[in-house]
C-alpha atoms as a PDB file:
ATOM      1  CA  MET A   1     -18.284  10.684   0.531  1.00  0.00           C
ATOM      2  CA  PHE A   2     -16.448  11.022  -2.775  1.00  0.00           C
ATOM      3  CA  ILE A   3     -13.683   8.618  -3.817  1.00  0.00           C
ATOM      4  CA  VAL A   4     -11.780  10.773  -6.295  1.00  0.00           C
ATOM      5  CA  GLY A   5      -8.899  10.023  -8.657  1.00  0.00           C
ATOM      6  CA  SER A   6      -6.446  12.915  -8.954  1.00  0.00           C
ATOM      7  CA  GLY A   7      -4.803  11.661 -12.139  1.00  0.00           C
ATOM      8  CA  PRO A   8      -1.136  10.855 -12.807  1.00  0.00           C
ATOM      9  CA  GLY A   9       0.477  14.015 -11.420  1.00  0.00           C
ATOM     10  CA  ASP A  10       0.105  16.791 -13.985  1.00  0.00           C
ATOM     11  CA  PRO A  11      -2.476  19.200 -12.442  1.00  0.00           C
ATOM     12  CA  GLU A  12      -3.880  19.897 -15.908  1.00  0.00           C
ATOM     13  CA  LEU A  13      -4.958  16.246 -16.102  1.00  0.00           C
ATOM     14  CA  LEU A  14      -7.181  16.623 -13.034  1.00  0.00           C
ATOM     15  CA  THR A  15     -10.822  16.300 -14.124  1.00  0.00           C
ATOM     16  CA  LEU A  16     -13.241  19.210 -13.870  1.00  0.00           C
ATOM     17  CA  LYS A  17     -15.425  17.176 -11.517  1.00  0.00           C
ATOM     18  CA  ALA A  18     -12.496  16.390  -9.242  1.00  0.00           C
ATOM     19  CA  LEU A  19     -11.553  20.069  -9.060  1.00  0.00           C
ATOM     20  CA  LYS A  20     -15.156  21.050  -8.302  1.00  0.00           C
ATOM     21  CA  LEU A  21     -15.313  18.578  -5.422  1.00  0.00           C
ATOM     22  CA  ILE A  22     -11.946  19.719  -4.074  1.00  0.00           C
ATOM     23  CA  ARG A  23     -13.261  23.285  -3.959  1.00  0.00           C
ATOM     24  CA  GLU A  24     -16.481  22.240  -2.218  1.00  0.00           C
ATOM     25  CA  ALA A  25     -15.039  19.691   0.230  1.00  0.00           C
ATOM     26  CA  GLU A  26     -15.175  20.037   3.987  1.00  0.00           C
ATOM     27  CA  VAL A  27     -12.516  17.353   4.470  1.00  0.00           C
ATOM     28  CA  ILE A  28      -9.933  15.962   2.045  1.00  0.00           C
ATOM     29  CA  LEU A  29      -8.022  12.784   2.885  1.00  0.00           C
ATOM     30  CA  TYR A  30      -5.183  12.577   0.368  1.00  0.00           C
ATOM     31  CA  ASP A  31      -2.447  10.139  -0.577  1.00  0.00           C
ATOM     32  CA  GLU A  32       1.231  10.897  -1.067  1.00  0.00           C
ATOM     33  CA  LEU A  33       1.017   9.714  -4.669  1.00  0.00           C
ATOM     34  CA  ILE A  34      -1.194  12.595  -5.744  1.00  0.00           C
ATOM     35  CA  GLY A  35       2.118  14.419  -6.233  1.00  0.00           C
ATOM     36  CA  ASP A  36       3.520  17.749  -5.116  1.00  0.00           C
ATOM     37  CA  GLU A  37       1.716  19.800  -7.760  1.00  0.00           C
ATOM     38  CA  ILE A  38      -1.702  18.458  -6.774  1.00  0.00           C
ATOM     39  CA  LYS A  39      -0.876  18.993  -3.098  1.00  0.00           C
ATOM     40  CA  GLU A  40      -0.168  22.656  -3.813  1.00  0.00           C
ATOM     41  CA  LEU A  41      -3.370  22.900  -5.817  1.00  0.00           C
ATOM     42  CA  ILE A  42      -5.593  21.562  -3.038  1.00  0.00           C
ATOM     43  CA  LYS A  43      -3.968  23.911  -0.533  1.00  0.00           C
ATOM     44  CA  LYS A  44      -4.695  26.815  -2.880  1.00  0.00           C
ATOM     45  CA  GLU A  45      -8.162  25.823  -4.115  1.00  0.00           C
ATOM     46  CA  SER A  46      -9.726  24.286  -0.998  1.00  0.00           C
ATOM     47  CA  LYS A  47     -10.710  25.519   2.439  1.00  0.00           C
ATOM     48  CA  ALA A  48     -11.200  21.947   3.617  1.00  0.00           C
ATOM     49  CA  LEU A  49      -9.544  20.209   6.536  1.00  0.00           C
ATOM     50  CA  LEU A  50      -6.605  18.427   4.864  1.00  0.00           C
ATOM     51  CA  VAL A  51      -5.677  15.006   6.215  1.00  0.00           C
ATOM     52  CA  ASP A  52      -2.447  13.472   4.911  1.00  0.00           C
ATOM     53  CA  VAL A  53      -2.772   9.700   4.925  1.00  0.00           C
ATOM     54  CA  GLY A  54       0.559   9.391   3.126  1.00  0.00           C
ATOM     55  CA  LYS A  55       0.388   6.120   1.196  1.00  0.00           C
ATOM     56  CA  ARG A  56       3.513   5.527  -0.879  1.00  0.00           C
ATOM     57  CA  ALA A  57       5.170   2.195  -1.602  1.00  0.00           C
ATOM     58  CA  GLY A  58       6.916   1.042   1.560  1.00  0.00           C
ATOM     59  CA  LYS A  59       6.297   4.336   3.373  1.00  0.00           C
ATOM     60  CA  HIS A  60       2.767   4.393   4.734  1.00  0.00           C
ATOM     61  CA  ARG A  61       2.075   7.206   7.166  1.00  0.00           C
ATOM     62  CA  LYS A  62      -1.192   5.462   7.991  1.00  0.00           C
ATOM     63  CA  LYS A  63      -2.072   1.825   7.438  1.00  0.00           C
ATOM     64  CA  GLN A  64      -5.125   0.955   5.353  1.00  0.00           C
ATOM     65  CA  ASP A  65      -7.169  -0.111   8.381  1.00  0.00           C
ATOM     66  CA  GLU A  66      -6.603   3.297   9.943  1.00  0.00           C
ATOM     67  CA  ILE A  67      -7.527   5.037   6.699  1.00  0.00           C
ATOM     68  CA  ASN A  68     -10.723   3.013   6.585  1.00  0.00           C
ATOM     69  CA  ARG A  69     -11.503   4.084  10.140  1.00  0.00           C
ATOM     70  CA  LEU A  70     -10.957   7.740   9.239  1.00  0.00           C
ATOM     71  CA  LEU A  71     -13.202   7.427   6.197  1.00  0.00           C
ATOM     72  CA  VAL A  72     -16.011   6.142   8.379  1.00  0.00           C
ATOM     73  CA  GLU A  73     -15.379   8.728  11.088  1.00  0.00           C
ATOM     74  CA  TYR A  74     -15.348  11.717   8.738  1.00  0.00           C
ATOM     75  CA  GLY A  75     -18.044  10.241   6.511  1.00  0.00           C
ATOM     76  CA  LYS A  76     -20.491  10.129   9.402  1.00  0.00           C
ATOM     77  CA  LYS A  77     -19.607  13.601  10.644  1.00  0.00           C
ATOM     78  CA  TYR A  78     -19.374  15.640   7.427  1.00  0.00           C
ATOM     79  CA  GLU A  79     -21.495  15.872   4.289  1.00  0.00           C
ATOM     80  CA  LYS A  80     -18.735  16.513   1.737  1.00  0.00           C
ATOM     81  CA  VAL A  81     -15.659  14.386   2.296  1.00  0.00           C
ATOM     82  CA  VAL A  82     -13.204  13.776  -0.547  1.00  0.00           C
ATOM     83  CA  ARG A  83     -10.898  10.780  -0.491  1.00  0.00           C
ATOM     84  CA  LEU A  84      -8.270  11.926  -3.018  1.00  0.00           C
ATOM     85  CA  LYS A  85      -6.182   9.156  -4.523  1.00  0.00           C
ATOM     86  CA  GLY A  86      -3.421   9.161  -7.114  1.00  0.00           C
ATOM     87  CA  GLY A  87      -4.305   8.048 -10.636  1.00  0.00           C
ATOM     88  CA  ASP A  88      -7.598   6.187 -10.753  1.00  0.00           C
ATOM     89  CA  PRO A  89      -9.060   4.823  -7.491  1.00  0.00           C
ATOM     90  CA  PHE A  90      -9.883   1.446  -9.019  1.00  0.00           C
ATOM     91  CA  VAL A  91      -6.556   0.739 -10.766  1.00  0.00           C
ATOM     92  CA  PHE A  92      -4.461  -0.771  -7.954  1.00  0.00           C
ATOM     93  CA  GLY A  93      -5.592   2.101  -5.762  1.00  0.00           C
ATOM     94  CA  ARG A  94      -7.510   0.099  -3.135  1.00  0.00           C
ATOM     95  CA  GLY A  95     -10.603   2.131  -3.928  1.00  0.00           C
ATOM     96  CA  GLY A  96     -12.601  -1.074  -4.103  1.00  0.00           C
ATOM     97  CA  GLU A  97     -11.680  -1.918  -0.521  1.00  0.00           C
ATOM     98  CA  GLU A  98     -12.633   1.551   0.645  1.00  0.00           C
ATOM     99  CA  ILE A  99     -16.092   1.543  -0.938  1.00  0.00           C
ATOM    100  CA  GLU A 100     -16.733  -1.838   0.693  1.00  0.00           C
ATOM    101  CA  VAL A 101     -15.987  -0.277   4.081  1.00  0.00           C
ATOM    102  CA  LEU A 102     -18.257   2.669   3.331  1.00  0.00           C
ATOM    103  CA  ALA A 103     -21.082   0.390   2.235  1.00  0.00           C
ATOM    104  CA  GLU A 104     -20.674  -1.779   5.343  1.00  0.00           C
ATOM    105  CA  ASN A 105     -21.079   1.358   7.459  1.00  0.00           C
ATOM    106  CA  GLU A 106     -24.033   2.629   5.399  1.00  0.00           C
ATOM    107  CA  ILE A 107     -22.219   5.736   4.191  1.00  0.00           C
ATOM    108  CA  GLU A 108     -23.301   6.952   0.755  1.00  0.00           C
ATOM    109  CA  PHE A 109     -20.468   7.430  -1.721  1.00  0.00           C
ATOM    110  CA  GLU A 110     -19.720   8.371  -5.296  1.00  0.00           C
ATOM    111  CA  VAL A 111     -16.667   7.329  -7.289  1.00  0.00           C
ATOM    112  CA  VAL A 112     -15.004   9.910  -9.539  1.00  0.00           C
ATOM    113  CA  PRO A 113     -12.564   8.185 -11.913  1.00  0.00           C
ATOM    114  CA  GLY A 114      -9.157   9.671 -12.624  1.00  0.00           C
ATOM    115  CA  ILE A 115      -6.672   9.271 -15.458  1.00  0.00           C
ATOM    116  CA  THR A 116      -4.486   6.321 -14.562  1.00  0.00           C
ATOM    117  CA  SER A 117      -0.711   6.685 -14.742  1.00  0.00           C
ATOM    118  CA  ALA A 118      -0.644   3.254 -16.387  1.00  0.00           C
ATOM    119  CA  ILE A 119      -1.799   4.921 -19.602  1.00  0.00           C
ATOM    120  CA  ALA A 120      -0.865   8.580 -19.079  1.00  0.00           C
ATOM    121  CA  ALA A 121       2.826   8.131 -18.227  1.00  0.00           C
ATOM    122  CA  PRO A 122       3.522   6.024 -21.340  1.00  0.00           C
ATOM    123  CA  ALA A 123       1.525   8.509 -23.422  1.00  0.00           C
ATOM    124  CA  TYR A 124       3.685  11.416 -22.235  1.00  0.00           C
ATOM    125  CA  ALA A 125       6.714   9.320 -23.174  1.00  0.00           C
ATOM    126  CA  GLY A 126       5.387   8.722 -26.674  1.00  0.00           C
ATOM    127  CA  ILE A 127       4.490   5.106 -25.974  1.00  0.00           C
ATOM    128  CA  PRO A 128       0.986   4.038 -27.059  1.00  0.00           C
ATOM    129  CA  VAL A 129       0.005   1.097 -24.879  1.00  0.00           C
ATOM    130  CA  THR A 130      -1.881  -0.309 -27.871  1.00  0.00           C
ATOM    131  CA  HIS A 131      -0.759  -0.204 -31.501  1.00  0.00           C
ATOM    132  CA  ARG A 132      -2.022  -2.209 -34.464  1.00  0.00           C
ATOM    133  CA  LYS A 133       1.497  -3.254 -35.494  1.00  0.00           C
ATOM    134  CA  PHE A 134       2.304  -4.789 -32.142  1.00  0.00           C
ATOM    135  CA  ASP A 135       0.755  -7.008 -29.450  1.00  0.00           C
ATOM    136  CA  PRO A 136      -3.062  -7.109 -29.633  1.00  0.00           C
ATOM    137  CA  ALA A 137      -3.650  -7.189 -25.879  1.00  0.00           C
ATOM    138  CA  LEU A 138      -2.835  -5.064 -22.854  1.00  0.00           C
ATOM    139  CA  VAL A 139      -2.261  -6.302 -19.296  1.00  0.00           C
ATOM    140  CA  PHE A 140      -1.880  -4.234 -16.122  1.00  0.00           C
ATOM    141  CA  ILE A 141      -0.127  -5.841 -13.179  1.00  0.00           C
ATOM    142  CA  THR A 142       1.238  -4.593  -9.876  1.00  0.00           C
ATOM    143  CA  GLY A 143       4.864  -5.276  -9.120  1.00  0.00           C
ATOM    144  CA  LYS A 144       3.997  -5.532  -5.426  1.00  0.00           C
ATOM    145  CA  GLN A 145       1.522  -8.384  -5.517  1.00  0.00           C
ATOM    146  CA  GLU A 146       2.014 -11.705  -3.824  1.00  0.00           C
ATOM    147  CA  ARG A 147       3.878 -13.773  -6.363  1.00  0.00           C
ATOM    148  CA  GLU A 148       1.737 -16.895  -6.060  1.00  0.00           C
ATOM    149  CA  ARG A 149      -1.347 -14.999  -7.229  1.00  0.00           C
ATOM    150  CA  LEU A 150       0.038 -14.303 -10.702  1.00  0.00           C
ATOM    151  CA  LYS A 151       0.454 -17.028 -13.315  1.00  0.00           C
ATOM    152  CA  TRP A 152       3.796 -15.898 -14.704  1.00  0.00           C
ATOM    153  CA  GLU A 153       4.004 -18.630 -17.326  1.00  0.00           C
ATOM    154  CA  ALA A 154       0.681 -17.599 -18.848  1.00  0.00           C
ATOM    155  CA  LEU A 155       1.597 -13.906 -18.675  1.00  0.00           C
ATOM    156  CA  ALA A 156       5.015 -14.391 -20.284  1.00  0.00           C
ATOM    157  CA  LYS A 157       3.586 -16.372 -23.194  1.00  0.00           C
ATOM    158  CA  LEU A 158       0.663 -14.021 -23.834  1.00  0.00           C
ATOM    159  CA  ASN A 159       1.227 -11.719 -26.813  1.00  0.00           C
ATOM    160  CA  ALA A 160       0.369  -8.652 -24.788  1.00  0.00           C
ATOM    161  CA  THR A 161       1.977  -5.393 -23.759  1.00  0.00           C
ATOM    162  CA  ILE A 162       2.569  -5.551 -20.004  1.00  0.00           C
ATOM    163  CA  VAL A 163       2.314  -2.417 -17.891  1.00  0.00           C
ATOM    164  CA  ILE A 164       3.649  -2.767 -14.346  1.00  0.00           C
ATOM    165  CA  LEU A 165       2.655  -0.344 -11.601  1.00  0.00           C
ATOM    166  CA  MET A 166       4.606  -0.058  -8.341  1.00  0.00           C
ATOM    167  CA  GLY A 167       7.315  -2.294  -9.735  1.00  0.00           C
ATOM    168  CA  VAL A 168      10.605  -0.422  -9.292  1.00  0.00           C
ATOM    169  CA  SER A 169      11.773  -2.234  -6.168  1.00  0.00           C
ATOM    170  CA  ASN A 170      10.990  -5.637  -7.724  1.00  0.00           C
ATOM    171  CA  LEU A 171      12.063  -4.823 -11.283  1.00  0.00           C
ATOM    172  CA  ARG A 172      14.879  -7.378 -11.367  1.00  0.00           C
ATOM    173  CA  GLU A 173      12.730 -10.131  -9.890  1.00  0.00           C
ATOM    174  CA  ASN A 174       9.845  -9.431 -12.263  1.00  0.00           C
ATOM    175  CA  ALA A 175      12.120  -9.309 -15.319  1.00  0.00           C
ATOM    176  CA  GLU A 176      13.779 -12.575 -14.354  1.00  0.00           C
ATOM    177  CA  ARG A 177      10.435 -14.272 -13.833  1.00  0.00           C
ATOM    178  CA  LEU A 178       9.163 -13.139 -17.237  1.00  0.00           C
ATOM    179  CA  ILE A 179      12.301 -14.427 -18.960  1.00  0.00           C
ATOM    180  CA  LYS A 180      12.238 -17.687 -16.994  1.00  0.00           C
ATOM    181  CA  HIS A 181       8.677 -18.355 -18.117  1.00  0.00           C
ATOM    182  CA  GLY A 182       9.189 -17.595 -21.784  1.00  0.00           C
ATOM    183  CA  LYS A 183       9.325 -13.848 -22.497  1.00  0.00           C
ATOM    184  CA  HIS A 184      12.166 -13.110 -24.917  1.00  0.00           C
ATOM    185  CA  PRO A 185      15.163 -11.482 -23.171  1.00  0.00           C
ATOM    186  CA  ASP A 186      15.405  -8.892 -25.979  1.00  0.00           C
ATOM    187  CA  THR A 187      11.860  -7.600 -25.403  1.00  0.00           C
ATOM    188  CA  PRO A 188      11.985  -3.775 -25.226  1.00  0.00           C
ATOM    189  CA  VAL A 189      11.233  -2.213 -21.836  1.00  0.00           C
ATOM    190  CA  ALA A 190      10.703   1.388 -20.745  1.00  0.00           C
ATOM    191  CA  VAL A 191      10.763   2.650 -17.167  1.00  0.00           C
ATOM    192  CA  ILE A 192       9.001   6.013 -16.850  1.00  0.00           C
ATOM    193  CA  GLU A 193       9.897   7.818 -13.643  1.00  0.00           C
ATOM    194  CA  SER A 194       7.624  10.592 -12.262  1.00  0.00           C
ATOM    195  CA  GLY A 195       5.413  10.361 -15.328  1.00  0.00           C
ATOM    196  CA  THR A 196       3.546  13.462 -16.624  1.00  0.00           C
ATOM    197  CA  THR A 197       5.491  15.807 -14.313  1.00  0.00           C
ATOM    198  CA  GLU A 198       8.417  18.110 -15.045  1.00  0.00           C
ATOM    199  CA  ARG A 199      10.651  15.485 -13.420  1.00  0.00           C
ATOM    200  CA  GLN A 200       9.659  12.764 -15.884  1.00  0.00           C
ATOM    201  CA  ARG A 201      12.500  10.558 -17.061  1.00  0.00           C
ATOM    202  CA  VAL A 202      12.406   7.623 -19.484  1.00  0.00           C
ATOM    203  CA  ILE A 203      14.931   4.788 -19.288  1.00  0.00           C
ATOM    204  CA  THR A 204      14.824   2.051 -21.909  1.00  0.00           C
ATOM    205  CA  GLY A 205      16.558  -1.251 -22.502  1.00  0.00           C
ATOM    206  CA  LYS A 206      16.063  -4.940 -23.133  1.00  0.00           C
ATOM    207  CA  LEU A 207      14.207  -7.073 -20.604  1.00  0.00           C
ATOM    208  CA  SER A 208      17.444  -8.910 -19.764  1.00  0.00           C
ATOM    209  CA  GLU A 209      19.308  -5.690 -18.924  1.00  0.00           C
ATOM    210  CA  ILE A 210      16.678  -3.213 -17.728  1.00  0.00           C
ATOM    211  CA  ALA A 211      17.222  -3.896 -14.011  1.00  0.00           C
ATOM    212  CA  ASP A 212      20.954  -3.134 -14.325  1.00  0.00           C
ATOM    213  CA  ILE A 213      20.202   0.033 -16.304  1.00  0.00           C
ATOM    214  CA  ALA A 214      17.607   1.205 -13.792  1.00  0.00           C
ATOM    215  CA  GLU A 215      20.028   0.648 -10.911  1.00  0.00           C
ATOM    216  CA  ARG A 216      22.789   2.489 -12.742  1.00  0.00           C
ATOM    217  CA  GLU A 217      20.448   5.400 -13.479  1.00  0.00           C
ATOM    218  CA  ASN A 218      19.184   5.375  -9.870  1.00  0.00           C
ATOM    219  CA  VAL A 219      15.534   5.152 -10.891  1.00  0.00           C
ATOM    220  CA  LYS A 220      13.129   5.901  -8.043  1.00  0.00           C
ATOM    221  CA  ALA A 221       9.429   5.361  -7.473  1.00  0.00           C
ATOM    222  CA  PRO A 222       6.908   6.359  -8.617  1.00  0.00           C
ATOM    223  CA  ALA A 223       7.527   4.797 -11.994  1.00  0.00           C
ATOM    224  CA  ILE A 224       5.592   2.918 -14.649  1.00  0.00           C
ATOM    225  CA  ILE A 225       7.211  -0.012 -16.460  1.00  0.00           C
ATOM    226  CA  VAL A 226       6.168  -0.940 -20.003  1.00  0.00           C
ATOM    227  CA  VAL A 227       7.213  -4.310 -21.414  1.00  0.00           C
ATOM    228  CA  GLY A 228       6.616  -4.824 -25.117  1.00  0.00           C
ATOM    229  CA  LYS A 229       7.501  -3.760 -28.654  1.00  0.00           C
ATOM    230  CA  VAL A 230       5.356  -0.613 -28.364  1.00  0.00           C
ATOM    231  CA  VAL A 231       8.388   0.843 -26.557  1.00  0.00           C
ATOM    232  CA  GLU A 232      10.015   1.111 -29.998  1.00  0.00           C
ATOM    233  CA  ILE A 233       7.620   3.970 -30.788  1.00  0.00           C
ATOM    234  CA  HIS A 234       9.297   6.044 -28.063  1.00  0.00           C
ATOM    235  CA  HIS A 235      12.613   5.893 -29.905  1.00  0.00           C
ATOM    236  CA  PHE A 236      10.950   6.821 -33.191  1.00  0.00           C
ATOM    237  CA  VAL A 237       9.035   9.869 -31.918  1.00  0.00           C
ATOM    238  CA  ARG A 238      11.004  11.151 -28.927  1.00  0.00           C
ATOM    239  CA  ASP A 239      12.634  14.006 -30.855  1.00  0.00           C
ATOM    240  CA  TYR A 240       9.163  15.328 -31.667  1.00  0.00           C
ATOM    241  CA  LEU A 241       7.609  15.156 -28.198  1.00  0.00           C
ATOM    242  CA  ARG A 242       6.393  18.513 -26.938  1.00  0.00           C
ATOM    243  CA  ASN A 243       4.759  17.520 -23.649  1.00  0.00           C
ATOM    244  CA  LEU A 244       7.988  17.551 -21.650  1.00  0.00           C
ATOM    245  CA  ARG A 245      11.720  17.505 -22.097  1.00  0.00           C
ATOM    246  CA  ILE A 246      12.158  13.763 -22.238  1.00  0.00           C
ATOM    247  CA  PRO A 247      15.554  12.087 -22.783  1.00  0.00           C
END
């Protein structure tokens, strides 16, 4: 069994090892968040049985327990099974839960990391998640987590760039919580929709207004949210970006 990260969406960011395993696989269980381009690639490059397990925020074709059951079922029956996940399997991808299930059922596995959208989407938007002139720390959070598990006061007061995954639907709530617990309302924010793909869009604003701007611009998931002064770099370099046509 191979737990494979497909990267942030751009097929050219798929690793060589991931592509090799896709070509050799007997079964591929893939998520919705691998993106349309990667879906087309696996249909073209693989002769494997393709199983759509369709995990996207709020729209799960199969629940995690059922996915776990399928992993065990196919893992015991076939030698080369690829579990293809968007981004990196271990960055809010539930890959850790899946390898626990495999280990419990004595199924050998290998993890193949992927490029996480938490870094790649900002990079394509000209936003370095670390920069010597700005905050000296970097924090990844999920916008979907149970609120009581995150210490918002500590997070808001930490001089760190905050990258939020899966946070579009809770953008207003998260912004309000950060401001309530001490983050300055004028902190720059970028919302990067469909990062690294031809559909990529970048919306920027202050923390106090970003939810209104995102609603007005009809921002949809998947999107990465960057909170911090590094967002200023986007405004400085955007006219020189060659990756994509980014507004």
